[in-house]
Amino acid sequence: MITLKKVVTIYGGNSKNSRLYGLYKRVDQYLVDNHYEHHSIFVCDLPSDALIKGNFEDREILNAHKKVEDAEMVIIITPVYKSSFSGILKTYLDLLPEKIFHGKTVLPFAMGGTNAHVLMLDYALKPVITYLASKNILKGGFIHNSQIEKIHEDEYYIKDQAEERIVCELDRLEMYDYRGIEV
């Protein structure tokens, strides 16, 4: 019997009307195709009042936390703004319990307008992930804005180089058991 790995994707974009959402859709399709049990948290859909005011008791925030608690692996997808991850993602990460990533493998993805933004993964996002107690943070993938094009309302074209990078990073999930130990 195959045991499914439980994955939660935290989408840190400000809307679902962007090339970043094309990256999310590709990650989601990979998880479906490879039979992961997965859930998504769209931070932009969480109550803004609860995020901004740091309402740790909001029901929707607590429901999102439960998805993270139940996951064995976490994928974080964020745009890069001013050399850091999105503010909306930061507000959600600030509400997460301090050790919520303990024992979880975390895979970050970022999308930005210049190749210099790749440094954001190591210098801005990974320290926060470490603070949330993940000891197994995968390399992660950076996708340049020009590598994903929106074709129609909900259809995206991902250039070959970006597609290879996305799949390569997602394939790394297969190398770890639910505790983040390489198998």
Protein backbone atom coordinates (compact mmCIF):
# COMPACT_ATOMS: atom_id res chain seq x y z
CA MET A 1 0.00 0.00 0.00
CA ILE A 2 1.35 3.42 -0.97
CA THR A 3 1.23 6.04 1.75
CA LEU A 4 0.60 9.52 0.45
CA LYS A 5 2.83 12.33 1.54
CA LYS A 6 0.83 15.22 2.94
CA VAL A 7 1.76 18.55 1.42
CA VAL A 8 0.45 22.05 2.00
CA THR A 9 1.20 24.87 -0.43
CA ILE A 10 1.27 28.39 0.98
CA TYR A 11 0.60 30.85 -1.84
CA GLY A 12 1.99 34.26 -0.88
CA GLY A 13 0.85 36.25 -3.89
CA ASN A 14 -1.44 39.25 -3.60
CA SER A 15 -3.91 37.82 -6.13
CA LYS A 16 -4.62 34.83 -8.33
CA ASN A 17 -4.39 36.97 -11.46
CA SER A 18 -0.65 36.87 -12.11
CA ARG A 19 2.17 34.81 -13.55
CA LEU A 20 2.91 33.70 -9.99
CA TYR A 21 -0.43 31.91 -10.07
CA GLY A 22 0.84 30.10 -13.19
CA LEU A 23 3.74 28.84 -11.07
CA TYR A 24 1.27 27.76 -8.38
CA LYS A 25 -0.85 25.90 -10.95
CA ARG A 26 2.24 24.02 -12.22
CA VAL A 27 3.21 23.00 -8.68
CA ASP A 28 -0.37 21.95 -7.95
CA GLN A 29 -0.53 19.86 -11.14
CA TYR A 30 2.72 18.12 -10.20
CA LEU A 31 1.27 17.20 -6.80
CA VAL A 32 -1.91 15.85 -8.42
CA ASP A 33 0.04 13.89 -11.06
CA ASN A 34 2.28 12.33 -8.39
CA HIS A 35 -0.56 11.44 -6.02
CA TYR A 36 0.31 13.66 -3.10
CA GLU A 37 -2.36 14.41 -0.56
CA HIS A 38 -2.32 18.19 -0.69
CA HIS A 39 -4.04 21.35 0.39
CA SER A 40 -3.44 25.00 -0.42
CA ILE A 41 -3.51 28.16 1.61
CA PHE A 42 -4.06 31.32 -0.40
CA VAL A 43 -2.94 34.03 1.96
CA CYS A 44 -4.71 36.62 -0.21
CA ASP A 45 -8.02 34.88 0.64
CA LEU A 46 -7.48 34.96 4.40
CA PRO A 47 -9.21 37.77 6.28
CA SER A 48 -7.04 40.86 5.82
CA ASP A 49 -8.19 42.34 9.12
CA ALA A 50 -6.98 39.23 10.98
CA LEU A 51 -3.65 39.26 9.12
CA ILE A 52 -2.93 42.95 9.65
CA LYS A 53 -4.04 43.07 13.28
CA GLY A 54 -2.33 39.79 14.15
CA ASN A 55 -5.54 38.06 15.24
CA PHE A 56 -4.20 34.68 16.35
CA GLU A 57 -7.72 33.50 17.23
CA ASP A 58 -9.43 34.10 13.88
CA ARG A 59 -11.22 30.93 12.75
CA GLU A 60 -9.92 31.07 9.15
CA ILE A 61 -6.37 31.68 10.34
CA LEU A 62 -6.64 28.72 12.72
CA ASN A 63 -8.01 26.54 9.90
CA ALA A 64 -5.03 27.49 7.74
CA HIS A 65 -2.67 26.68 10.64
CA LYS A 66 -4.30 23.25 10.94
CA LYS A 67 -3.44 22.52 7.29
CA VAL A 68 0.20 23.37 8.03
CA GLU A 69 0.22 21.30 11.24
CA ASP A 70 -1.18 18.26 9.41
CA ALA A 71 1.30 18.47 6.52
CA GLU A 72 4.55 16.59 6.31
CA MET A 73 5.91 18.92 3.65
CA VAL A 74 5.37 22.62 2.98
CA ILE A 75 5.77 24.42 -0.33
CA ILE A 76 5.95 28.21 -0.18
CA ILE A 77 5.36 30.27 -3.32
CA THR A 78 6.04 34.01 -3.23
CA PRO A 79 6.76 36.92 -5.50
CA VAL A 80 9.85 39.00 -4.81
CA TYR A 81 9.19 42.61 -3.88
CA LYS A 82 12.04 44.97 -3.04
CA SER A 83 14.46 42.06 -2.56
CA SER A 84 12.22 40.20 -0.12
CA PHE A 85 9.19 37.96 -0.09
CA SER A 86 5.72 39.48 -0.18
CA GLY A 87 4.38 41.42 2.78
CA ILE A 88 1.16 39.43 2.73
CA LEU A 89 3.17 36.22 3.14
CA LYS A 90 5.13 37.82 5.99
CA THR A 91 1.92 38.70 7.83
CA TYR A 92 0.80 35.07 7.64
CA LEU A 93 4.17 33.60 8.61
CA ASP A 94 4.19 35.95 11.62
CA LEU A 95 0.93 34.37 12.81
CA LEU A 96 2.21 30.78 12.57
CA PRO A 97 3.16 29.06 15.84
CA GLU A 98 6.90 29.31 16.45
CA LYS A 99 7.82 25.65 15.87
CA ILE A 100 5.16 24.71 13.31
CA PHE A 101 7.70 23.59 10.66
CA HIS A 102 9.48 21.23 13.07
CA GLY A 103 9.95 17.86 11.38
CA LYS A 104 8.71 19.14 8.02
CA THR A 105 10.50 19.45 4.70
CA VAL A 106 10.05 22.94 3.25
CA LEU A 107 10.44 23.81 -0.43
CA PRO A 108 10.41 27.53 -1.30
CA PHE A 109 9.70 28.97 -4.74
CA ALA A 110 10.12 32.63 -5.66
CA MET A 111 9.36 34.65 -8.76
CA GLY A 112 10.99 37.98 -9.54
CA GLY A 113 12.01 40.42 -12.22
CA THR A 114 15.80 40.17 -11.97
CA ASN A 115 18.16 37.26 -11.43
CA ALA A 116 19.58 39.10 -8.40
CA HIS A 117 16.27 38.30 -6.66
CA VAL A 118 17.36 34.68 -6.33
CA LEU A 119 19.34 35.77 -3.26
CA MET A 120 16.05 36.50 -1.48
CA LEU A 121 15.53 32.78 -0.92
CA ASP A 122 18.70 32.43 1.14
CA TYR A 123 18.84 35.83 2.81
CA ALA A 124 15.19 36.66 3.52
CA LEU A 125 12.87 33.64 3.33
CA LYS A 126 15.02 30.77 4.59
CA PRO A 127 15.88 32.50 7.90
CA VAL A 128 12.14 32.82 8.65
CA ILE A 129 11.58 29.17 7.72
CA THR A 130 14.45 28.22 10.02
CA TYR A 131 12.94 30.29 12.82
CA LEU A 132 9.73 28.27 12.39
CA ALA A 133 11.89 25.21 13.20
CA SER A 134 12.39 23.50 9.84
CA LYS A 135 15.70 21.70 9.76
CA ASN A 136 15.18 20.48 6.21
CA ILE A 137 14.82 23.37 3.80
CA LEU A 138 15.30 22.33 0.20
CA LYS A 139 17.28 24.53 -2.20
CA GLY A 140 14.15 25.98 -3.76
CA GLY A 141 13.53 27.42 -7.15
CA PHE A 142 13.68 30.92 -8.54
CA ILE A 143 11.69 31.69 -11.66
CA HIS A 144 12.21 34.90 -13.62
CA ASN A 145 8.98 36.76 -14.45
CA SER A 146 9.72 36.43 -18.17
CA GLN A 147 9.70 32.62 -17.97
CA ILE A 148 5.95 32.32 -17.39
CA GLU A 149 3.42 33.89 -19.70
CA LYS A 150 -0.30 34.20 -19.14
CA ILE A 151 -2.04 32.97 -22.31
CA HIS A 152 -5.68 33.14 -21.28
CA GLU A 153 -7.63 33.72 -18.09
CA ASP A 154 -6.48 30.53 -16.37
CA GLU A 155 -3.87 29.21 -18.79
CA TYR A 156 -0.11 29.79 -18.63
CA TYR A 157 2.90 28.94 -20.75
CA ILE A 158 6.03 28.00 -18.83
CA LYS A 159 9.27 28.17 -20.77
CA ASP A 160 11.37 25.01 -20.88
CA GLN A 161 14.17 26.22 -18.58
CA ALA A 162 11.67 27.20 -15.88
CA GLU A 163 9.72 23.97 -16.33
CA GLU A 164 12.88 21.93 -15.80
CA ARG A 165 13.80 23.91 -12.68
CA ILE A 166 10.31 23.57 -11.19
CA VAL A 167 10.14 19.82 -11.79
CA CYS A 168 13.72 19.27 -10.58
CA GLU A 169 12.94 20.99 -7.27
CA LEU A 170 9.63 19.18 -6.86
CA ASP A 171 11.32 15.85 -7.59
CA ARG A 172 13.45 16.48 -4.49
CA LEU A 173 10.31 15.94 -2.39
CA GLU A 174 10.45 12.27 -3.37
CA MET A 175 13.88 11.97 -1.77
CA TYR A 176 12.59 12.68 1.74
CA ASP A 177 10.25 10.90 4.08
CA TYR A 178 7.74 12.87 6.08
CA ARG A 179 10.34 13.75 8.75
CA GLY A 180 12.67 15.35 6.22
CA ILE A 181 15.13 12.45 6.28
CA GLU A 182 16.69 11.51 2.98
CA VAL A 183 15.66 8.02 1.87
